[in-house]
C-alpha cells in the first residue's frame, strides 16, 4: 500500500492521471475514461437517447462511462470518481510510474504529479 494523505487535492491528482491513462487506452484505468453526456449526444444520438431513457441515467451526474461488464453506459458523479481514484491509488501510481506511460502520454508530467502525492519515483 502506497503511503499518502487522503486529501481532495491528492484524489484529484490521482483522478487526473487515471483519466489520462484511461483515455489513452490503458485498460487498467477503464473506469476513469469518462465523458460528458453532450459528447454522446452529438457523436451518437441513437446511443444517447437509449442511455437517457435507461435506468442507468442520472440527470444529476455530470459524467458517464462505459459499463465494466456488458453493453451500455452508467452515470458517474465527481464524488464517485474521486472515491474510485482513492480506492485505485496503488494501481494508478504503479502504472503512472512506468516509462512507457511517460513516453506514450508526453503531455502529462506524471513524475511531478506523483511527487506532489509524496511518492518517490525512481
PDB file of N, CA and C in Angstrom:
ATOM      1  N   UNK A   1       0.845  -1.177   0.000  1.00  0.00           N
ATOM      2  CA  UNK A   1       0.000   0.000   0.000  1.00  0.00           C
ATOM      3  C   UNK A   1       0.890   1.240   0.000  1.00  0.00           C
ATOM      4  N   UNK A   2       0.611   2.144  -0.902  1.00  0.00           N
ATOM      5  CA  UNK A   2       1.367   3.388  -1.002  1.00  0.00           C
ATOM      6  C   UNK A   2       0.894   4.331   0.095  1.00  0.00           C
ATOM      7  N   UNK A   3       1.866   4.960   0.754  1.00  0.00           N
ATOM      8  CA  UNK A   3       1.564   5.852   1.861  1.00  0.00           C
ATOM      9  C   UNK A   3       1.406   7.281   1.353  1.00  0.00           C
ATOM     10  N   UNK A   4       0.180   7.796   1.418  1.00  0.00           N
ATOM     11  CA  UNK A   4      -0.076   9.187   1.059  1.00  0.00           C
ATOM     12  C   UNK A   4      -1.297   9.659   1.833  1.00  0.00           C
ATOM     13  N   UNK A   5      -1.426  10.955   1.974  1.00  0.00           N
ATOM     14  CA  UNK A   5      -2.557  11.512   2.699  1.00  0.00           C
ATOM     15  C   UNK A   5      -3.805  11.495   1.836  1.00  0.00           C
ATOM     16  N   UNK A   6      -4.930  11.212   2.484  1.00  0.00           N
ATOM     17  CA  UNK A   6      -6.214  11.221   1.798  1.00  0.00           C
ATOM     18  C   UNK A   6      -6.760  12.649   1.827  1.00  0.00           C
ATOM     19  N   UNK A   7      -6.418  13.410   0.795  1.00  0.00           N
ATOM     20  CA  UNK A   7      -6.914  14.782   0.675  1.00  0.00           C
ATOM     21  C   UNK A   7      -7.639  14.921  -0.653  1.00  0.00           C
ATOM     22  N   UNK A   8      -8.456  15.945  -0.761  1.00  0.00           N
ATOM     23  CA  UNK A   8      -9.167  16.173  -2.018  1.00  0.00           C
ATOM     24  C   UNK A   8      -8.177  16.473  -3.149  1.00  0.00           C
ATOM     25  N   UNK A   9      -7.132  17.235  -2.849  1.00  0.00           N
ATOM     26  CA  UNK A   9      -6.125  17.533  -3.870  1.00  0.00           C
ATOM     27  C   UNK A   9      -5.460  16.257  -4.377  1.00  0.00           C
ATOM     28  N   UNK A  10      -5.117  15.343  -3.466  1.00  0.00           N
ATOM     29  CA  UNK A  10      -4.491  14.084  -3.883  1.00  0.00           C
ATOM     30  C   UNK A  10      -5.447  13.238  -4.706  1.00  0.00           C
ATOM     31  N   UNK A  11      -6.710  13.219  -4.322  1.00  0.00           N
ATOM     32  CA  UNK A  11      -7.690  12.458  -5.103  1.00  0.00           C
ATOM     33  C   UNK A  11      -7.809  13.025  -6.517  1.00  0.00           C
ATOM     34  N   UNK A  12      -7.803  14.365  -6.654  1.00  0.00           N
ATOM     35  CA  UNK A  12      -7.882  14.976  -7.990  1.00  0.00           C
ATOM     36  C   UNK A  12      -6.636  14.672  -8.806  1.00  0.00           C
ATOM     37  N   UNK A  13      -5.449  14.688  -8.164  1.00  0.00           N
ATOM     38  CA  UNK A  13      -4.211  14.329  -8.882  1.00  0.00           C
ATOM     39  C   UNK A  13      -4.282  12.892  -9.386  1.00  0.00           C
ATOM     40  N   UNK A  14      -4.737  11.991  -8.532  1.00  0.00           N
ATOM     41  CA  UNK A  14      -4.875  10.584  -8.928  1.00  0.00           C
ATOM     42  C   UNK A  14      -5.864  10.439 -10.074  1.00  0.00           C
ATOM     43  N   UNK A  15      -7.006  11.110  -9.954  1.00  0.00           N
ATOM     44  CA  UNK A  15      -8.030  11.023 -10.995  1.00  0.00           C
ATOM     45  C   UNK A  15      -7.524  11.592 -12.311  1.00  0.00           C
ATOM     46  N   UNK A  16      -6.810  12.700 -12.263  1.00  0.00           N
ATOM     47  CA  UNK A  16      -6.260  13.309 -13.466  1.00  0.00           C
ATOM     48  C   UNK A  16      -5.326  12.338 -14.195  1.00  0.00           C
ATOM     49  N   UNK A  17      -4.459  11.675 -13.440  1.00  0.00           N
ATOM     50  CA  UNK A  17      -3.548  10.708 -14.070  1.00  0.00           C
ATOM     51  C   UNK A  17      -4.318   9.514 -14.613  1.00  0.00           C
ATOM     52  N   UNK A  18      -5.286   9.021 -13.858  1.00  0.00           N
ATOM     53  CA  UNK A  18      -6.075   7.866 -14.302  1.00  0.00           C
ATOM     54  C   UNK A  18      -6.870   8.194 -15.558  1.00  0.00           C
ATOM     55  N   UNK A  19      -7.442   9.391 -15.620  1.00  0.00           N
ATOM     56  CA  UNK A  19      -8.199   9.790 -16.814  1.00  0.00           C
ATOM     57  C   UNK A  19      -7.297   9.869 -18.032  1.00  0.00           C
ATOM     58  N   UNK A  20      -6.086  10.395 -17.859  1.00  0.00           N
ATOM     59  CA  UNK A  20      -5.154  10.470 -18.988  1.00  0.00           C
ATOM     60  C   UNK A  20      -4.808   9.070 -19.481  1.00  0.00           C
ATOM     61  N   UNK A  21      -4.546   8.173 -18.559  1.00  0.00           N
ATOM     62  CA  UNK A  21      -4.175   6.804 -18.955  1.00  0.00           C
ATOM     63  C   UNK A  21      -5.372   6.046 -19.515  1.00  0.00           C
ATOM     64  N   UNK A  22      -6.552   6.216 -18.924  1.00  0.00           N
ATOM     65  CA  UNK A  22      -7.757   5.554 -19.431  1.00  0.00           C
ATOM     66  C   UNK A  22      -8.135   6.057 -20.808  1.00  0.00           C
ATOM     67  N   UNK A  23      -8.003   7.368 -21.010  1.00  0.00           N
ATOM     68  CA  UNK A  23      -8.312   7.954 -22.312  1.00  0.00           C
ATOM     69  C   UNK A  23      -7.341   7.522 -23.388  1.00  0.00           C
ATOM     70  N   UNK A  24      -6.110   7.199 -22.990  1.00  0.00           N
ATOM     71  CA  UNK A  24      -5.112   6.762 -23.960  1.00  0.00           C
ATOM     72  C   UNK A  24      -5.277   5.290 -24.324  1.00  0.00           C
ATOM     73  N   UNK A  25      -5.953   4.533 -23.470  1.00  0.00           N
ATOM     74  CA  UNK A  25      -6.184   3.127 -23.799  1.00  0.00           C
ATOM     75  C   UNK A  25      -5.580   2.137 -22.831  1.00  0.00           C
ATOM     76  N   UNK A  26      -5.049   2.601 -21.712  1.00  0.00           N
ATOM     77  CA  UNK A  26      -4.567   1.665 -20.694  1.00  0.00           C
ATOM     78  C   UNK A  26      -5.784   1.076 -19.999  1.00  0.00           C
ATOM     79  N   UNK A  27      -6.067  -0.180 -20.297  1.00  0.00           N
ATOM     80  CA  UNK A  27      -7.302  -0.815 -19.855  1.00  0.00           C
ATOM     81  C   UNK A  27      -7.479  -0.852 -18.338  1.00  0.00           C
ATOM     82  N   UNK A  28      -6.392  -0.818 -17.596  1.00  0.00           N
ATOM     83  CA  UNK A  28      -6.493  -0.852 -16.139  1.00  0.00           C
ATOM     84  C   UNK A  28      -7.254   0.363 -15.612  1.00  0.00           C
ATOM     85  N   UNK A  29      -7.298   1.425 -16.394  1.00  0.00           N
ATOM     86  CA  UNK A  29      -7.946   2.664 -15.966  1.00  0.00           C
ATOM     87  C   UNK A  29      -9.256   2.917 -16.704  1.00  0.00           C
ATOM     88  N   UNK A  30      -9.922   1.851 -17.169  1.00  0.00           N
ATOM     89  CA  UNK A  30     -11.170   1.977 -17.923  1.00  0.00           C
ATOM     90  C   UNK A  30     -12.193   2.823 -17.173  1.00  0.00           C
ATOM     91  N   UNK A  31     -12.224   2.686 -15.856  1.00  0.00           N
ATOM     92  CA  UNK A  31     -13.234   3.345 -15.025  1.00  0.00           C
ATOM     93  C   UNK A  31     -13.097   4.866 -15.044  1.00  0.00           C
ATOM     94  N   UNK A  32     -11.915   5.372 -15.366  1.00  0.00           N
ATOM     95  CA  UNK A  32     -11.673   6.816 -15.345  1.00  0.00           C
ATOM     96  C   UNK A  32     -11.890   7.466 -16.706  1.00  0.00           C
ATOM     97  N   UNK A  33     -12.164   6.682 -17.718  1.00  0.00           N
ATOM     98  CA  UNK A  33     -12.382   7.206 -19.061  1.00  0.00           C
ATOM     99  C   UNK A  33     -13.843   7.646 -19.166  1.00  0.00           C
ATOM    100  N   UNK A  34     -14.111   8.876 -18.725  1.00  0.00           N
ATOM    101  CA  UNK A  34     -15.483   9.372 -18.654  1.00  0.00           C
ATOM    102  C   UNK A  34     -15.714  10.454 -19.702  1.00  0.00           C
ATOM    103  N   UNK A  35     -16.991  10.680 -19.976  1.00  0.00           N
ATOM    104  CA  UNK A  35     -17.406  11.639 -20.994  1.00  0.00           C
ATOM    105  C   UNK A  35     -18.545  12.489 -20.448  1.00  0.00           C
ATOM    106  N   UNK A  36     -18.715  13.652 -21.043  1.00  0.00           N
ATOM    107  CA  UNK A  36     -19.897  14.453 -20.742  1.00  0.00           C
ATOM    108  C   UNK A  36     -21.022  13.956 -21.638  1.00  0.00           C
ATOM    109  N   UNK A  37     -22.264  13.965 -21.146  1.00  0.00           N
ATOM    110  CA  UNK A  37     -23.382  13.480 -21.965  1.00  0.00           C
ATOM    111  C   UNK A  37     -23.480  14.167 -23.326  1.00  0.00           C
ATOM    112  N   UNK A  38     -23.109  15.443 -23.402  1.00  0.00           N
ATOM    113  CA  UNK A  38     -23.163  16.157 -24.690  1.00  0.00           C
ATOM    114  C   UNK A  38     -22.306  15.483 -25.749  1.00  0.00           C
ATOM    115  N   UNK A  39     -21.182  14.913 -25.331  1.00  0.00           N
ATOM    116  CA  UNK A  39     -20.300  14.248 -26.292  1.00  0.00           C
ATOM    117  C   UNK A  39     -21.013  13.086 -26.969  1.00  0.00           C
ATOM    118  N   UNK A  40     -21.766  12.317 -26.194  1.00  0.00           N
ATOM    119  CA  UNK A  40     -22.501  11.183 -26.758  1.00  0.00           C
ATOM    120  C   UNK A  40     -23.685  11.681 -27.585  1.00  0.00           C
ATOM    121  N   UNK A  41     -24.327  12.738 -27.114  1.00  0.00           N
ATOM    122  CA  UNK A  41     -25.494  13.261 -27.825  1.00  0.00           C
ATOM    123  C   UNK A  41     -25.135  13.680 -29.246  1.00  0.00           C
ATOM    124  N   UNK A  42     -23.980  14.318 -29.413  1.00  0.00           N
ATOM    125  CA  UNK A  42     -23.587  14.802 -30.740  1.00  0.00           C
ATOM    126  C   UNK A  42     -22.904  13.739 -31.595  1.00  0.00           C
ATOM    127  N   UNK A  43     -22.184  12.820 -30.958  1.00  0.00           N
ATOM    128  CA  UNK A  43     -21.451  11.821 -31.741  1.00  0.00           C
ATOM    129  C   UNK A  43     -22.279  10.575 -32.052  1.00  0.00           C
ATOM    130  N   UNK A  44     -23.209  10.244 -31.162  1.00  0.00           N
ATOM    131  CA  UNK A  44     -24.029   9.043 -31.360  1.00  0.00           C
ATOM    132  C   UNK A  44     -25.427   9.286 -30.779  1.00  0.00           C
ATOM    133  N   UNK A  45     -26.249  10.059 -31.488  1.00  0.00           N
ATOM    134  CA  UNK A  45     -27.562  10.425 -30.939  1.00  0.00           C
ATOM    135  C   UNK A  45     -28.453   9.239 -30.574  1.00  0.00           C
ATOM    136  N   UNK A  46     -28.372   8.152 -31.325  1.00  0.00           N
ATOM    137  CA  UNK A  46     -29.201   6.982 -31.004  1.00  0.00           C
ATOM    138  C   UNK A  46     -28.793   6.358 -29.675  1.00  0.00           C
ATOM    139  N   UNK A  47     -27.481   6.240 -29.451  1.00  0.00           N
ATOM    140  CA  UNK A  47     -26.993   5.717 -28.171  1.00  0.00           C
ATOM    141  C   UNK A  47     -27.349   6.662 -27.030  1.00  0.00           C
ATOM    142  N   UNK A  48     -27.266   7.956 -27.286  1.00  0.00           N
ATOM    143  CA  UNK A  48     -27.607   8.944 -26.269  1.00  0.00           C
ATOM    144  C   UNK A  48     -29.064   8.784 -25.850  1.00  0.00           C
ATOM    145  N   UNK A  49     -29.962   8.680 -26.797  1.00  0.00           N
ATOM    146  CA  UNK A  49     -31.389   8.507 -26.491  1.00  0.00           C
ATOM    147  C   UNK A  49     -31.628   7.239 -25.679  1.00  0.00           C
ATOM    148  N   UNK A  50     -30.973   6.176 -26.076  1.00  0.00           N
ATOM    149  CA  UNK A  50     -31.113   4.911 -25.350  1.00  0.00           C
ATOM    150  C   UNK A  50     -30.603   5.056 -23.915  1.00  0.00           C
ATOM    151  N   UNK A  51     -29.471   5.753 -23.754  1.00  0.00           N
ATOM    152  CA  UNK A  51     -28.884   5.934 -22.426  1.00  0.00           C
ATOM    153  C   UNK A  51     -29.777   6.784 -21.523  1.00  0.00           C
ATOM    154  N   UNK A  52     -30.230   7.940 -22.010  1.00  0.00           N
ATOM    155  CA  UNK A  52     -31.021   8.825 -21.144  1.00  0.00           C
ATOM    156  C   UNK A  52     -32.383   8.236 -20.805  1.00  0.00           C
ATOM    157  N   UNK A  53     -32.820   7.251 -21.539  1.00  0.00           N
ATOM    158  CA  UNK A  53     -34.085   6.590 -21.232  1.00  0.00           C
ATOM    159  C   UNK A  53     -33.888   5.286 -20.466  1.00  0.00           C
ATOM    160  N   UNK A  54     -32.670   5.040 -20.013  1.00  0.00           N
ATOM    161  CA  UNK A  54     -32.391   3.813 -19.264  1.00  0.00           C
ATOM    162  C   UNK A  54     -32.368   4.097 -17.765  1.00  0.00           C
ATOM    163  N   UNK A  55     -32.392   3.047 -16.984  1.00  0.00           N
ATOM    164  CA  UNK A  55     -32.333   3.188 -15.523  1.00  0.00           C
ATOM    165  C   UNK A  55     -30.930   3.561 -15.052  1.00  0.00           C
ATOM    166  N   UNK A  56     -29.926   3.483 -15.928  1.00  0.00           N
ATOM    167  CA  UNK A  56     -28.553   3.840 -15.569  1.00  0.00           C
ATOM    168  C   UNK A  56     -28.290   5.338 -15.674  1.00  0.00           C
ATOM    169  N   UNK A  57     -29.239   6.080 -16.223  1.00  0.00           N
ATOM    170  CA  UNK A  57     -29.044   7.518 -16.410  1.00  0.00           C
ATOM    171  C   UNK A  57     -29.458   8.277 -15.158  1.00  0.00           C
ATOM    172  N   UNK A  58     -28.568   9.150 -14.695  1.00  0.00           N
ATOM    173  CA  UNK A  58     -28.849  10.029 -13.565  1.00  0.00           C
ATOM    174  C   UNK A  58     -28.636  11.457 -14.050  1.00  0.00           C
ATOM    175  N   UNK A  59     -29.703  12.227 -14.203  1.00  0.00           N
ATOM    176  CA  UNK A  59     -29.542  13.585 -14.738  1.00  0.00           C
ATOM    177  C   UNK A  59     -28.698  14.492 -13.836  1.00  0.00           C
ATOM    178  N   UNK A  60     -28.536  14.136 -12.569  1.00  0.00           N
ATOM    179  CA  UNK A  60     -27.726  14.946 -11.653  1.00  0.00           C
ATOM    180  C   UNK A  60     -26.236  14.671 -11.816  1.00  0.00           C
ATOM    181  N   UNK A  61     -25.884  13.560 -12.441  1.00  0.00           N
ATOM    182  CA  UNK A  61     -24.474  13.208 -12.637  1.00  0.00           C
ATOM    183  C   UNK A  61     -23.921  13.979 -13.831  1.00  0.00           C
ATOM    184  N   UNK A  62     -22.690  14.432 -13.699  1.00  0.00           N
ATOM    185  CA  UNK A  62     -22.086  15.243 -14.753  1.00  0.00           C
ATOM    186  C   UNK A  62     -21.365  14.391 -15.801  1.00  0.00           C
ATOM    187  N   UNK A  63     -21.077  13.142 -15.491  1.00  0.00           N
ATOM    188  CA  UNK A  63     -20.275  12.279 -16.354  1.00  0.00           C
ATOM    189  C   UNK A  63     -21.003  10.972 -16.641  1.00  0.00           C
ATOM    190  N   UNK A  64     -20.503  10.256 -17.639  1.00  0.00           N
ATOM    191  CA  UNK A  64     -20.919   8.869 -17.850  1.00  0.00           C
ATOM    192  C   UNK A  64     -19.713   8.105 -18.365  1.00  0.00           C
ATOM    193  N   UNK A  65     -19.774   6.796 -18.214  1.00  0.00           N
ATOM    194  CA  UNK A  65     -18.703   5.923 -18.703  1.00  0.00           C
ATOM    195  C   UNK A  65     -19.314   4.613 -19.170  1.00  0.00           C
ATOM    196  N   UNK A  66     -18.512   3.878 -19.919  1.00  0.00           N
ATOM    197  CA  UNK A  66     -18.952   2.554 -20.349  1.00  0.00           C
ATOM    198  C   UNK A  66     -19.035   1.644 -19.120  1.00  0.00           C
ATOM    199  N   UNK A  67     -19.989   0.737 -19.146  1.00  0.00           N
ATOM    200  CA  UNK A  67     -20.093  -0.218 -18.042  1.00  0.00           C
ATOM    201  C   UNK A  67     -18.923  -1.189 -18.094  1.00  0.00           C
ATOM    202  N   UNK A  68     -18.525  -1.653 -16.930  1.00  0.00           N
ATOM    203  CA  UNK A  68     -17.400  -2.592 -16.874  1.00  0.00           C
ATOM    204  C   UNK A  68     -17.757  -3.906 -17.568  1.00  0.00           C
ATOM    205  N   UNK A  69     -18.937  -4.405 -17.293  1.00  0.00           N
ATOM    206  CA  UNK A  69     -19.385  -5.655 -17.909  1.00  0.00           C
ATOM    207  C   UNK A  69     -20.659  -5.374 -18.685  1.00  0.00           C
ATOM    208  N   UNK A  70     -20.729  -5.899 -19.862  1.00  0.00           N
ATOM    209  CA  UNK A  70     -21.932  -5.713 -20.645  1.00  0.00           C
ATOM    210  C   UNK A  70     -21.854  -4.499 -21.550  1.00  0.00           C
ATOM    211  N   UNK A  71     -22.993  -4.205 -22.113  1.00  0.00           N
ATOM    212  CA  UNK A  71     -23.088  -3.123 -23.073  1.00  0.00           C
ATOM    213  C   UNK A  71     -23.816  -1.954 -22.421  1.00  0.00           C
ATOM    214  N   UNK A  72     -23.432  -0.765 -22.787  1.00  0.00           N
ATOM    215  CA  UNK A  72     -24.137   0.406 -22.296  1.00  0.00           C
ATOM    216  C   UNK A  72     -23.253   1.317 -21.469  1.00  0.00           C
ATOM    217  N   UNK A  73     -23.907   2.275 -20.844  1.00  0.00           N
ATOM    218  CA  UNK A  73     -23.219   3.308 -20.086  1.00  0.00           C
ATOM    219  C   UNK A  73     -23.833   3.427 -18.704  1.00  0.00           C
ATOM    220  N   UNK A  74     -23.116   4.104 -17.812  1.00  0.00           N
ATOM    221  CA  UNK A  74     -23.633   4.393 -16.481  1.00  0.00           C
ATOM    222  C   UNK A  74     -23.258   5.822 -16.116  1.00  0.00           C
ATOM    223  N   UNK A  75     -24.115   6.475 -15.356  1.00  0.00           N
ATOM    224  CA  UNK A  75     -23.842   7.827 -14.889  1.00  0.00           C
ATOM    225  C   UNK A  75     -22.832   7.787 -13.755  1.00  0.00           C
ATOM    226  N   UNK A  76     -22.014   8.845 -13.683  1.00  0.00           N
ATOM    227  CA  UNK A  76     -20.961   8.907 -12.669  1.00  0.00           C
ATOM    228  C   UNK A  76     -20.886  10.342 -12.147  1.00  0.00           C
ATOM    229  N   UNK A  77     -20.724  10.484 -10.839  1.00  0.00           N
ATOM    230  CA  UNK A  77     -20.558  11.802 -10.232  1.00  0.00           C
ATOM    231  C   UNK A  77     -19.082  12.058  -9.938  1.00  0.00           C
ATOM    232  N   UNK A  78     -18.734  13.319  -9.705  1.00  0.00           N
ATOM    233  CA  UNK A  78     -17.367  13.648  -9.306  1.00  0.00           C
ATOM    234  C   UNK A  78     -16.994  12.893  -8.036  1.00  0.00           C
ATOM    235  N   UNK A  79     -17.927  12.840  -7.096  1.00  0.00           N
ATOM    236  CA  UNK A  79     -17.657  12.182  -5.817  1.00  0.00           C
ATOM    237  C   UNK A  79     -17.325  10.705  -5.998  1.00  0.00           C
ATOM    238  N   UNK A  80     -18.070  10.023  -6.868  1.00  0.00           N
ATOM    239  CA  UNK A  80     -17.793   8.596  -7.077  1.00  0.00           C
ATOM    240  C   UNK A  80     -16.467   8.395  -7.818  1.00  0.00           C
ATOM    241  N   UNK A  81     -16.144   9.295  -8.751  1.00  0.00           N
ATOM    242  CA  UNK A  81     -14.861   9.202  -9.449  1.00  0.00           C
ATOM    243  C   UNK A  81     -13.695   9.424  -8.491  1.00  0.00           C
ATOM    244  N   UNK A  82     -13.826  10.404  -7.602  1.00  0.00           N
ATOM    245  CA  UNK A  82     -12.765  10.661  -6.629  1.00  0.00           C
ATOM    246  C   UNK A  82     -12.613   9.492  -5.662  1.00  0.00           C
ATOM    247  N   UNK A  83     -13.721   8.878  -5.272  1.00  0.00           N
ATOM    248  CA  UNK A  83     -13.658   7.694  -4.406  1.00  0.00           C
ATOM    249  C   UNK A  83     -12.986   6.534  -5.147  1.00  0.00           C
ATOM    250  N   UNK A  84     -13.318   6.357  -6.414  1.00  0.00           N
ATOM    251  CA  UNK A  84     -12.671   5.315  -7.221  1.00  0.00           C
ATOM    252  C   UNK A  84     -11.174   5.571  -7.333  1.00  0.00           C
ATOM    253  N   UNK A  85     -10.802   6.837  -7.539  1.00  0.00           N
ATOM    254  CA  UNK A  85      -9.378   7.182  -7.664  1.00  0.00           C
ATOM    255  C   UNK A  85      -8.635   6.851  -6.368  1.00  0.00           C
ATOM    256  N   UNK A  86      -9.242   7.147  -5.239  1.00  0.00           N
ATOM    257  CA  UNK A  86      -8.580   6.841  -3.969  1.00  0.00           C
ATOM    258  C   UNK A  86      -8.461   5.329  -3.785  1.00  0.00           C
ATOM    259  N   UNK A  87      -9.511   4.619  -4.108  1.00  0.00           N
ATOM    260  CA  UNK A  87      -9.509   3.160  -3.987  1.00  0.00           C
ATOM    261  C   UNK A  87      -8.444   2.531  -4.886  1.00  0.00           C
ATOM    262  N   UNK A  88      -8.223   3.108  -6.059  1.00  0.00           N
ATOM    263  CA  UNK A  88      -7.288   2.568  -7.050  1.00  0.00           C
ATOM    264  C   UNK A  88      -5.901   3.215  -6.976  1.00  0.00           C
ATOM    265  N   UNK A  89      -5.599   3.956  -5.918  1.00  0.00           N
ATOM    266  CA  UNK A  89      -4.372   4.755  -5.841  1.00  0.00           C
ATOM    267  C   UNK A  89      -3.107   3.955  -6.090  1.00  0.00           C
ATOM    268  N   UNK A  90      -3.015   2.750  -5.537  1.00  0.00           N
ATOM    269  CA  UNK A  90      -1.799   1.948  -5.748  1.00  0.00           C
ATOM    270  C   UNK A  90      -1.617   1.619  -7.226  1.00  0.00           C
ATOM    271  N   UNK A  91      -2.698   1.201  -7.866  1.00  0.00           N
ATOM    272  CA  UNK A  91      -2.631   0.852  -9.288  1.00  0.00           C
ATOM    273  C   UNK A  91      -2.325   2.076 -10.149  1.00  0.00           C
ATOM    274  N   UNK A  92      -2.917   3.215  -9.799  1.00  0.00           N
ATOM    275  CA  UNK A  92      -2.681   4.440 -10.567  1.00  0.00           C
ATOM    276  C   UNK A  92      -1.207   4.834 -10.494  1.00  0.00           C
ATOM    277  N   UNK A  93      -0.664   4.873  -9.275  1.00  0.00           N
ATOM    278  CA  UNK A  93       0.732   5.286  -9.105  1.00  0.00           C
ATOM    279  C   UNK A  93       1.674   4.279  -9.756  1.00  0.00           C
ATOM    280  N   UNK A  94       1.379   2.994  -9.606  1.00  0.00           N
ATOM    281  CA  UNK A  94       2.232   1.971 -10.217  1.00  0.00           C
ATOM    282  C   UNK A  94       2.268   2.126 -11.738  1.00  0.00           C
ATOM    283  N   UNK A  95       1.110   2.295 -12.353  1.00  0.00           N
ATOM    284  CA  UNK A  95       1.056   2.440 -13.808  1.00  0.00           C
ATOM    285  C   UNK A  95       1.670   3.772 -14.250  1.00  0.00           C
ATOM    286  N   UNK A  96       1.386   4.835 -13.510  1.00  0.00           N
ATOM    287  CA  UNK A  96       1.916   6.159 -13.871  1.00  0.00           C
ATOM    288  C   UNK A  96       3.423   6.256 -13.668  1.00  0.00           C
ATOM    289  N   UNK A  97       4.010   5.306 -12.972  1.00  0.00           N
ATOM    290  CA  UNK A  97       5.459   5.300 -12.750  1.00  0.00           C
ATOM    291  C   UNK A  97       6.221   4.601 -13.861  1.00  0.00           C
ATOM    292  N   UNK A  98       5.506   3.997 -14.797  1.00  0.00           N
ATOM    293  CA  UNK A  98       6.163   3.265 -15.883  1.00  0.00           C
ATOM    294  C   UNK A  98       6.638   4.197 -16.984  1.00  0.00           C
ATOM    295  N   UNK A  99       7.826   3.943 -17.463  1.00  0.00           N
ATOM    296  CA  UNK A  99       8.432   4.771 -18.511  1.00  0.00           C
ATOM    297  C   UNK A  99       7.602   4.739 -19.805  1.00  0.00           C
ATOM    298  N   UNK A 100       7.005   3.592 -20.154  1.00  0.00           N
ATOM    299  CA  UNK A 100       6.207   3.539 -21.384  1.00  0.00           C
ATOM    300  C   UNK A 100       5.010   4.477 -21.310  1.00  0.00           C
ATOM    301  N   UNK A 101       4.449   4.653 -20.122  1.00  0.00           N
ATOM    302  CA  UNK A 101       3.334   5.586 -19.962  1.00  0.00           C
ATOM    303  C   UNK A 101       3.825   7.009 -20.220  1.00  0.00           C
ATOM    304  N   UNK A 102       4.992   7.362 -19.669  1.00  0.00           N
ATOM    305  CA  UNK A 102       5.550   8.702 -19.870  1.00  0.00           C
ATOM    306  C   UNK A 102       5.779   8.969 -21.349  1.00  0.00           C
ATOM    307  N   UNK A 103       6.270   7.959 -22.068  1.00  0.00           N
ATOM    308  CA  UNK A 103       6.557   8.137 -23.489  1.00  0.00           C
ATOM    309  C   UNK A 103       5.287   8.210 -24.330  1.00  0.00           C
ATOM    310  N   UNK A 104       4.286   7.423 -23.983  1.00  0.00           N
ATOM    311  CA  UNK A 104       3.041   7.393 -24.745  1.00  0.00           C
ATOM    312  C   UNK A 104       2.158   8.609 -24.497  1.00  0.00           C
ATOM    313  N   UNK A 105       2.268   9.203 -23.306  1.00  0.00           N
ATOM    314  CA  UNK A 105       1.431  10.357 -22.964  1.00  0.00           C
ATOM    315  C   UNK A 105       2.345  11.496 -22.508  1.00  0.00           C
ATOM    316  N   UNK A 106       3.101  12.089 -23.442  1.00  0.00           N
ATOM    317  CA  UNK A 106       4.115  13.073 -23.064  1.00  0.00           C
ATOM    318  C   UNK A 106       3.562  14.408 -22.573  1.00  0.00           C
ATOM    319  N   UNK A 107       2.287  14.701 -22.847  1.00  0.00           N
ATOM    320  CA  UNK A 107       1.745  15.991 -22.432  1.00  0.00           C
ATOM    321  C   UNK A 107       1.342  16.028 -20.952  1.00  0.00           C
ATOM    322  N   UNK A 108       1.458  14.906 -20.253  1.00  0.00           N
ATOM    323  CA  UNK A 108       1.185  14.840 -18.811  1.00  0.00           C
ATOM    324  C   UNK A 108       2.503  14.581 -18.096  1.00  0.00           C
ATOM    325  N   UNK A 109       2.832  15.416 -17.128  1.00  0.00           N
ATOM    326  CA  UNK A 109       4.052  15.228 -16.338  1.00  0.00           C
ATOM    327  C   UNK A 109       3.725  14.339 -15.140  1.00  0.00           C
ATOM    328  N   UNK A 110       3.792  13.031 -15.377  1.00  0.00           N
ATOM    329  CA  UNK A 110       3.436  12.074 -14.335  1.00  0.00           C
ATOM    330  C   UNK A 110       4.393  12.141 -13.146  1.00  0.00           C
ATOM    331  N   UNK A 111       5.668  12.342 -13.408  1.00  0.00           N
ATOM    332  CA  UNK A 111       6.665  12.355 -12.330  1.00  0.00           C
ATOM    333  C   UNK A 111       6.355  13.458 -11.327  1.00  0.00           C
ATOM    334  N   UNK A 112       6.087  14.667 -11.793  1.00  0.00           N
ATOM    335  CA  UNK A 112       5.813  15.760 -10.853  1.00  0.00           C
ATOM    336  C   UNK A 112       4.498  15.532 -10.117  1.00  0.00           C
ATOM    337  N   UNK A 113       3.524  14.943 -10.768  1.00  0.00           N
ATOM    338  CA  UNK A 113       2.244  14.666 -10.099  1.00  0.00           C
ATOM    339  C   UNK A 113       2.409  13.596  -9.040  1.00  0.00           C
ATOM    340  N   UNK A 114       3.199  12.588  -9.336  1.00  0.00           N
ATOM    341  CA  UNK A 114       3.446  11.539  -8.341  1.00  0.00           C
ATOM    342  C   UNK A 114       4.210  12.118  -7.155  1.00  0.00           C
ATOM    343  N   UNK A 115       5.168  12.991  -7.433  1.00  0.00           N
ATOM    344  CA  UNK A 115       5.925  13.627  -6.339  1.00  0.00           C
ATOM    345  C   UNK A 115       5.030  14.505  -5.477  1.00  0.00           C
ATOM    346  N   UNK A 116       4.062  15.199  -6.097  1.00  0.00           N
ATOM    347  CA  UNK A 116       3.110  16.002  -5.325  1.00  0.00           C
ATOM    348  C   UNK A 116       2.318  15.138  -4.349  1.00  0.00           C
ATOM    349  N   UNK A 117       2.133  13.873  -4.726  1.00  0.00           N
ATOM    350  CA  UNK A 117       1.445  12.933  -3.840  1.00  0.00           C
ATOM    351  C   UNK A 117       2.319  12.485  -2.673  1.00  0.00           C
ATOM    352  N   UNK A 118       3.608  12.830  -2.744  1.00  0.00           N
ATOM    353  CA  UNK A 118       4.546  12.434  -1.704  1.00  0.00           C
ATOM    354  C   UNK A 118       5.153  11.074  -1.943  1.00  0.00           C
ATOM    355  N   UNK A 119       5.064  10.582  -3.174  1.00  0.00           N
ATOM    356  CA  UNK A 119       5.599   9.266  -3.528  1.00  0.00           C
ATOM    357  C   UNK A 119       6.923   9.474  -4.267  1.00  0.00           C
ATOM    358  N   UNK A 120       7.910   8.682  -3.934  1.00  0.00           N
ATOM    359  CA  UNK A 120       9.217   8.781  -4.580  1.00  0.00           C
ATOM    360  C   UNK A 120       9.201   7.956  -5.867  1.00  0.00           C
ATOM    361  N   UNK A 121       9.623   8.578  -6.960  1.00  0.00           N
ATOM    362  CA  UNK A 121       9.696   7.905  -8.256  1.00  0.00           C
ATOM    363  C   UNK A 121      11.145   7.612  -8.564  1.00  0.00           C
ATOM    364  N   UNK A 122      11.421   6.349  -8.929  1.00  0.00           N
ATOM    365  CA  UNK A 122      12.831   6.005  -9.237  1.00  0.00           C
ATOM    366  C   UNK A 122      13.066   6.013 -10.728  1.00  0.00           C
TER     367      UNK A 122
END
